[in-house]
Amino acid sequence: MPNPPLEELFYSSLVTEHIVPKGRDFAFKRWHHTLVETSKQYDGFLRCDLCPPLRCKDPVVKWYYIFHFDSPEHLNQWMESSDRKQLLESGQEIFSAYRFKSFTTGLEGWFSALSGNLEYKGLGPPRWKQILAVILGLYPVVMMQAIAFSILGLMQSWSLASSMIVNNLITSTILSLYVMPFVSKCLSFWLQPAYRPVSLKTNLIGAALAIASLVLMVLIFNGVWGLLKS
C-alpha cells in the first residue's frame, strides 16, 4: 500500500497574535469565545489553544491563540470564510491590530499593514511614514544608478522597455537587500507601528531628518549631474 502524501501526515495550524489595549481583556476573551464556537461549525476543526496573555511595557496586552484543522484545505476554508471575516471586522473595536502565521497552507508570512484589507491592518507605521522612508531609500539608488550608467555608457542604445526592466531589477535588489534595512534601522525610533504612540517631537524629528536628507541629496546630485553635462 503506497504511503500517503507528506502533507496529509500533518495537521494545519494558524497562530494569531492580537494587540489588545489594557483593560479590554474580558471583552477580548468573550470575542475569542464566539470565534471558537463559530469555527467549530466548519469541517476539519480540531481545537483552539488560547495562550496566557503577554503584558507588555507599552499600554497593550498581546494575546496568542492557535487554531488546529485536519488539513490545509479545511483551514483555508475557515480562514476565507465570511463568518471569520465578519468576526474580525467586529473585533476591531476590541483589539488595535493583529497578525497571523499559518502552517502547511502556503501562507507562511507574517502579515501587516497592507492597504484595503482588514487582515493586514495596523501593524506597520502610518502610511505617510512608509512613503517618505521608501522615497528616502529609493531616490539615491535611482540617481546613483543613472549616473553610473551615464558614465559607463551602458544601455544607451536600448529601447525604453528593455532598459527599464534591467534598471528595475537592479534597483529593487539593491533597495530590498541593502538600502531599506539600513533606512529602517536608522529611522527605527520614528517608524513605529501605528498602535504604538509616538510623541509629536519624535514625529517632527523623524520627518525633518528624512526631508533634510532628501533636500541634501537633491543638491548633491544636481551638482554631480551638472558636472557630467558640462
Foldseek 3Di string as FASTA:
>chain_A
DDDDDPQQVDWKKKKKKFKFFPPLVVVVVVLVVVLQVVLVVFAFWDHKAKDDWDCDPFRTIITMMMTIGNHLVRVVCSVPDPVVQVSLVVCVVGTVAMWMAMPSNPRGDTAADDPDDSRHPFFWAPPVVVVLLLCLQQVVLLLVVVVVCVVVVPCPVPDPVVVVVVSVVVSVVCSVPPRSVVSCVVLVLQTGTRVGDDDPVSVVVSVVVSVVSVVVVVVVSVVVVVVVVD
